[in-house]
PDB file of N, CA and C in Angstrom:
ATOM      1  N   MET A   1     249.641 126.418  33.635  1.00  0.00           N
ATOM      2  CA  MET A   1     249.236 125.061  33.330  1.00  0.00           C
ATOM      3  C   MET A   1     248.489 124.453  34.510  1.00  0.00           C
ATOM      4  N   LEU A   2     248.967 124.722  35.722  1.00  0.00           N
ATOM      5  CA  LEU A   2     248.313 124.195  36.917  1.00  0.00           C
ATOM      6  C   LEU A   2     246.907 124.773  37.061  1.00  0.00           C
ATOM      7  N   LYS A   3     246.778 126.051  36.749  1.00  0.00           N
ATOM      8  CA  LYS A   3     245.464 126.707  36.812  1.00  0.00           C
ATOM      9  C   LYS A   3     244.502 126.062  35.812  1.00  0.00           C
ATOM     10  N   PHE A   4     245.011 125.754  34.627  1.00  0.00           N
ATOM     11  CA  PHE A   4     244.197 125.101  33.587  1.00  0.00           C
ATOM     12  C   PHE A   4     243.731 123.725  34.047  1.00  0.00           C
ATOM     13  N   MET A   5     244.628 122.959  34.666  1.00  0.00           N
ATOM     14  CA  MET A   5     244.270 121.620  35.135  1.00  0.00           C
ATOM     15  C   MET A   5     243.235 121.683  36.258  1.00  0.00           C
ATOM     16  N   LYS A   6     243.373 122.651  37.174  1.00  0.00           N
ATOM     17  CA  LYS A   6     242.387 122.807  38.247  1.00  0.00           C
ATOM     18  C   LYS A   6     241.015 123.144  37.672  1.00  0.00           C
ATOM     19  N   ARG A   7     241.009 124.006  36.665  1.00  0.00           N
ATOM     20  CA  ARG A   7     239.744 124.385  36.038  1.00  0.00           C
ATOM     21  C   ARG A   7     239.115 123.185  35.336  1.00  0.00           C
ATOM     22  N   LEU A   8     239.918 122.351  34.705  1.00  0.00           N
ATOM     23  CA  LEU A   8     239.388 121.157  34.051  1.00  0.00           C
ATOM     24  C   LEU A   8     238.769 120.195  35.064  1.00  0.00           C
ATOM     25  N   LEU A   9     239.408 120.070  36.222  1.00  0.00           N
ATOM     26  CA  LEU A   9     238.900 119.159  37.243  1.00  0.00           C
ATOM     27  C   LEU A   9     237.584 119.642  37.843  1.00  0.00           C
ATOM     28  N   LYS A  10     237.386 120.962  37.916  1.00  0.00           N
ATOM     29  CA  LYS A  10     236.156 121.516  38.487  1.00  0.00           C
ATOM     30  C   LYS A  10     235.022 121.600  37.471  1.00  0.00           C
ATOM     31  N   ASP A  11     235.336 121.546  36.195  1.00  0.00           N
ATOM     32  CA  ASP A  11     234.327 121.691  35.141  1.00  0.00           C
ATOM     33  C   ASP A  11     233.408 120.472  35.125  1.00  0.00           C
ATOM     34  N   GLU A  12     232.103 120.700  35.186  1.00  0.00           N
ATOM     35  CA  GLU A  12     231.129 119.609  35.218  1.00  0.00           C
ATOM     36  C   GLU A  12     230.265 119.568  33.957  1.00  0.00           C
ATOM     37  N   ARG A  13     230.674 120.239  32.898  1.00  0.00           N
ATOM     38  CA  ARG A  13     229.881 120.278  31.666  1.00  0.00           C
ATOM     39  C   ARG A  13     229.999 119.008  30.848  1.00  0.00           C
ATOM     40  N   GLY A  14     230.961 118.213  31.111  1.00  0.00           N
ATOM     41  CA  GLY A  14     231.202 117.033  30.286  1.00  0.00           C
ATOM     42  C   GLY A  14     232.524 117.176  29.567  1.00  0.00           C
ATOM     43  N   ILE A  15     232.958 116.096  28.986  1.00  0.00           N
ATOM     44  CA  ILE A  15     234.272 116.091  28.349  1.00  0.00           C
ATOM     45  C   ILE A  15     234.190 116.748  26.969  1.00  0.00           C
ATOM     46  N   THR A  16     235.171 117.582  26.678  1.00  0.00           N
ATOM     47  CA  THR A  16     235.232 118.245  25.379  1.00  0.00           C
ATOM     48  C   THR A  16     236.278 117.543  24.514  1.00  0.00           C
ATOM     49  N   THR A  17     236.338 117.960  23.283  1.00  0.00           N
ATOM     50  CA  THR A  17     237.297 117.362  22.355  1.00  0.00           C
ATOM     51  C   THR A  17     238.733 117.595  22.825  1.00  0.00           C
ATOM     52  N   VAL A  18     239.014 118.792  23.298  1.00  0.00           N
ATOM     53  CA  VAL A  18     240.367 119.104  23.757  1.00  0.00           C
ATOM     54  C   VAL A  18     240.738 118.221  24.945  1.00  0.00           C
ATOM     55  N   GLU A  19     239.807 118.054  25.863  1.00  0.00           N
ATOM     56  CA  GLU A  19     240.078 117.196  27.016  1.00  0.00           C
ATOM     57  C   GLU A  19     240.282 115.751  26.586  1.00  0.00           C
ATOM     58  N   MET A  20     239.518 115.313  25.601  1.00  0.00           N
ATOM     59  CA  MET A  20     239.659 113.948  25.093  1.00  0.00           C
ATOM     60  C   MET A  20     241.035 113.762  24.450  1.00  0.00           C
ATOM     61  N   ILE A  21     241.500 114.759  23.724  1.00  0.00           N
ATOM     62  CA  ILE A  21     242.821 114.690  23.098  1.00  0.00           C
ATOM     63  C   ILE A  21     243.912 114.661  24.167  1.00  0.00           C
ATOM     64  N   ILE A  22     243.749 115.471  25.213  1.00  0.00           N
ATOM     65  CA  ILE A  22     244.723 115.475  26.304  1.00  0.00           C
ATOM     66  C   ILE A  22     244.755 114.107  26.983  1.00  0.00           C
ATOM     67  N   ALA A  23     243.580 113.554  27.264  1.00  0.00           N
ATOM     68  CA  ALA A  23     243.506 112.238  27.909  1.00  0.00           C
ATOM     69  C   ALA A  23     244.128 111.165  27.017  1.00  0.00           C
ATOM     70  N   ALA A  24     243.859 111.218  25.720  1.00  0.00           N
ATOM     71  CA  ALA A  24     244.431 110.241  24.794  1.00  0.00           C
ATOM     72  C   ALA A  24     245.954 110.362  24.750  1.00  0.00           C
ATOM     73  N   GLY A  25     246.454 111.581  24.777  1.00  0.00           N
ATOM     74  CA  GLY A  25     247.901 111.791  24.785  1.00  0.00           C
ATOM     75  C   GLY A  25     248.557 111.254  26.038  1.00  0.00           C
ATOM     76  N   ILE A  26     247.916 111.481  27.178  1.00  0.00           N
ATOM     77  CA  ILE A  26     248.456 110.972  28.438  1.00  0.00           C
ATOM     78  C   ILE A  26     248.453 109.449  28.439  1.00  0.00           C
ATOM     79  N   LEU A  27     247.360 108.848  27.989  1.00  0.00           N
ATOM     80  CA  LEU A  27     247.287 107.388  27.928  1.00  0.00           C
ATOM     81  C   LEU A  27     248.320 106.815  26.962  1.00  0.00           C
ATOM     82  N   ALA A  28     248.525 107.485  25.836  1.00  0.00           N
ATOM     83  CA  ALA A  28     249.527 107.021  24.878  1.00  0.00           C
ATOM     84  C   ALA A  28     250.926 107.085  25.491  1.00  0.00           C
ATOM     85  N   ALA A  29     251.209 108.160  26.218  1.00  0.00           N
ATOM     86  CA  ALA A  29     252.517 108.290  26.862  1.00  0.00           C
ATOM     87  C   ALA A  29     252.727 107.196  27.909  1.00  0.00           C
ATOM     88  N   ILE A  30     251.680 106.895  28.671  1.00  0.00           N
ATOM     89  CA  ILE A  30     251.775 105.830  29.675  1.00  0.00           C
ATOM     90  C   ILE A  30     251.997 104.481  29.000  1.00  0.00           C
ATOM     91  N   ALA A  31     251.269 104.229  27.911  1.00  0.00           N
ATOM     92  CA  ALA A  31     251.406 102.955  27.198  1.00  0.00           C
ATOM     93  C   ALA A  31     252.810 102.799  26.616  1.00  0.00           C
ATOM     94  N   ILE A  32     253.342 103.855  26.031  1.00  0.00           N
ATOM     95  CA  ILE A  32     254.691 103.799  25.458  1.00  0.00           C
ATOM     96  C   ILE A  32     255.725 103.586  26.564  1.00  0.00           C
ATOM     97  N   GLY A  33     255.546 104.270  27.678  1.00  0.00           N
ATOM     98  CA  GLY A  33     256.461 104.096  28.806  1.00  0.00           C
ATOM     99  C   GLY A  33     256.430 102.678  29.352  1.00  0.00           C
ATOM    100  N   ALA A  34     255.235 102.121  29.483  1.00  0.00           N
ATOM    101  CA  ALA A  34     255.109 100.748  29.982  1.00  0.00           C
ATOM    102  C   ALA A  34     255.734  99.765  29.000  1.00  0.00           C
ATOM    103  N   TYR A  35     255.511  99.989  27.717  1.00  0.00           N
ATOM    104  CA  TYR A  35     256.068  99.096  26.693  1.00  0.00           C
ATOM    105  C   TYR A  35     257.593  99.101  26.738  1.00  0.00           C
ATOM    106  N   THR A  36     258.180 100.284  26.777  1.00  0.00           N
ATOM    107  CA  THR A  36     259.638 100.361  26.759  1.00  0.00           C
ATOM    108  C   THR A  36     260.245  99.843  28.060  1.00  0.00           C
ATOM    109  N   THR A  37     259.517  99.974  29.164  1.00  0.00           N
ATOM    110  CA  THR A  37     260.024  99.485  30.447  1.00  0.00           C
ATOM    111  C   THR A  37     259.904  97.973  30.563  1.00  0.00           C
ATOM    112  N   LEU A  38     258.772  97.430  30.149  1.00  0.00           N
ATOM    113  CA  LEU A  38     258.503  96.010  30.358  1.00  0.00           C
ATOM    114  C   LEU A  38     259.030  95.107  29.250  1.00  0.00           C
ATOM    115  N   ARG A  39     259.281  95.646  28.069  1.00  0.00           N
ATOM    116  CA  ARG A  39     259.694  94.835  26.925  1.00  0.00           C
ATOM    117  C   ARG A  39     260.910  93.955  27.215  1.00  0.00           C
ATOM    118  N   PRO A  40     262.003  94.494  27.764  1.00  0.00           N
ATOM    119  CA  PRO A  40     263.162  93.628  28.027  1.00  0.00           C
ATOM    120  C   PRO A  40     262.853  92.499  29.008  1.00  0.00           C
ATOM    121  N   HIS A  41     262.018  92.766  29.991  1.00  0.00           N
ATOM    122  CA  HIS A  41     261.673  91.739  30.974  1.00  0.00           C
ATOM    123  C   HIS A  41     260.838  90.629  30.338  1.00  0.00           C
ATOM    124  N   VAL A  42     259.916  91.015  29.466  1.00  0.00           N
ATOM    125  CA  VAL A  42     259.082  90.016  28.789  1.00  0.00           C
ATOM    126  C   VAL A  42     259.937  89.159  27.858  1.00  0.00           C
ATOM    127  N   ILE A  43     260.842  89.788  27.126  1.00  0.00           N
ATOM    128  CA  ILE A  43     261.725  89.048  26.222  1.00  0.00           C
ATOM    129  C   ILE A  43     262.607  88.086  27.017  1.00  0.00           C
ATOM    130  N   ASN A  44     263.156  88.560  28.129  1.00  0.00           N
ATOM    131  CA  ASN A  44     264.006  87.710  28.965  1.00  0.00           C
ATOM    132  C   ASN A  44     263.221  86.523  29.517  1.00  0.00           C
ATOM    133  N   SER A  45     262.001  86.768  29.978  1.00  0.00           N
ATOM    134  CA  SER A  45     261.172  85.677  30.513  1.00  0.00           C
ATOM    135  C   SER A  45     260.842  84.663  29.427  1.00  0.00           C
ATOM    136  N   ALA A  46     260.494  85.145  28.240  1.00  0.00           N
ATOM    137  CA  ALA A  46     260.172  84.237  27.139  1.00  0.00           C
ATOM    138  C   ALA A  46     261.389  83.402  26.753  1.00  0.00           C
ATOM    139  N   ASN A  47     262.554  84.012  26.725  1.00  0.00           N
ATOM    140  CA  ASN A  47     263.776  83.264  26.409  1.00  0.00           C
ATOM    141  C   ASN A  47     264.083  82.215  27.476  1.00  0.00           C
ATOM    142  N   THR A  48     263.890  82.568  28.731  1.00  0.00           N
ATOM    143  CA  THR A  48     264.131  81.616  29.822  1.00  0.00           C
ATOM    144  C   THR A  48     263.192  80.423  29.720  1.00  0.00           C
ATOM    145  N   ILE A  49     261.913  80.699  29.488  1.00  0.00           N
ATOM    146  CA  ILE A  49     260.930  79.617  29.357  1.00  0.00           C
ATOM    147  C   ILE A  49     261.261  78.747  28.148  1.00  0.00           C
ATOM    148  N   GLY A  50     261.610  79.374  27.036  1.00  0.00           N
ATOM    149  CA  GLY A  50     261.966  78.619  25.838  1.00  0.00           C
ATOM    150  C   GLY A  50     263.176  77.733  26.051  1.00  0.00           C
ATOM    151  N   THR A  51     264.180  78.256  26.736  1.00  0.00           N
ATOM    152  CA  THR A  51     265.379  77.473  27.022  1.00  0.00           C
ATOM    153  C   THR A  51     265.052  76.280  27.912  1.00  0.00           C
ATOM    154  N   LYS A  52     264.247  76.510  28.941  1.00  0.00           N
ATOM    155  CA  LYS A  52     263.881  75.407  29.845  1.00  0.00           C
ATOM    156  C   LYS A  52     263.053  74.354  29.123  1.00  0.00           C
ATOM    157  N   LEU A  53     262.162  74.786  28.249  1.00  0.00           N
ATOM    158  CA  LEU A  53     261.373  73.821  27.481  1.00  0.00           C
ATOM    159  C   LEU A  53     262.255  73.017  26.538  1.00  0.00           C
ATOM    160  N   ASN A  54     263.169  73.687  25.853  1.00  0.00           N
ATOM    161  CA  ASN A  54     264.082  72.975  24.956  1.00  0.00           C
ATOM    162  C   ASN A  54     264.950  71.985  25.717  1.00  0.00           C
ATOM    163  N   THR A  55     265.413  72.371  26.881  1.00  0.00           N
ATOM    164  CA  THR A  55     266.233  71.479  27.699  1.00  0.00           C
ATOM    165  C   THR A  55     265.419  70.278  28.158  1.00  0.00           C
ATOM    166  N   ALA A  56     264.199  70.525  28.608  1.00  0.00           N
ATOM    167  CA  ALA A  56     263.356  69.435  29.106  1.00  0.00           C
ATOM    168  C   ALA A  56     262.979  68.475  27.988  1.00  0.00           C
ATOM    169  N   VAL A  57     262.621  68.993  26.836  1.00  0.00           N
ATOM    170  CA  VAL A  57     262.229  68.135  25.718  1.00  0.00           C
ATOM    171  C   VAL A  57     263.451  67.447  25.128  1.00  0.00           C
ATOM    172  N   GLY A  58     264.556  68.171  25.045  1.00  0.00           N
ATOM    173  CA  GLY A  58     265.768  67.606  24.469  1.00  0.00           C
ATOM    174  C   GLY A  58     266.364  66.506  25.315  1.00  0.00           C
ATOM    175  N   SER A  59     266.230  66.596  26.619  1.00  0.00           N
ATOM    176  CA  SER A  59     266.806  65.566  27.486  1.00  0.00           C
ATOM    177  C   SER A  59     265.879  64.378  27.648  1.00  0.00           C
ATOM    178  N   ASN A  60     264.640  64.519  27.186  1.00  0.00           N
ATOM    179  CA  ASN A  60     263.640  63.453  27.280  1.00  0.00           C
ATOM    180  C   ASN A  60     263.454  63.025  28.735  1.00  0.00           C
ATOM    181  N   ASN A  61     263.510  63.996  29.625  1.00  0.00           N
ATOM    182  CA  ASN A  61     263.372  63.748  31.054  1.00  0.00           C
ATOM    183  C   ASN A  61     261.974  64.184  31.485  1.00  0.00           C
ATOM    184  N   PRO A  62     261.123  63.254  31.893  1.00  0.00           N
ATOM    185  CA  PRO A  62     259.764  63.639  32.268  1.00  0.00           C
ATOM    186  C   PRO A  62     259.701  64.421  33.574  1.00  0.00           C
ATOM    187  N   ALA A  63     260.717  64.343  34.415  1.00  0.00           N
ATOM    188  CA  ALA A  63     260.721  65.076  35.680  1.00  0.00           C
ATOM    189  C   ALA A  63     261.388  66.428  35.463  1.00  0.00           C
ATOM    190  N   TRP A  64     260.622  67.450  35.197  1.00  0.00           N
ATOM    191  CA  TRP A  64     261.178  68.781  34.934  1.00  0.00           C
ATOM    192  C   TRP A  64     261.657  69.360  36.217  1.00  0.00           C
TER     193      TRP A  64
END
């Protein structure tokens, strides 16, 4: 596999369909990994902001 990757890096003919599929697969894996890693943090941040907004609006306090 390492030999194949070295050969791909040295090849200057242009991108082939197989290389495009490999690149798309790698990008998809990165996107899925980022989504699963960041999702809980985004949800937590949104909940925190929502709670603070509800508290500020509910208390009718202009000084947040």
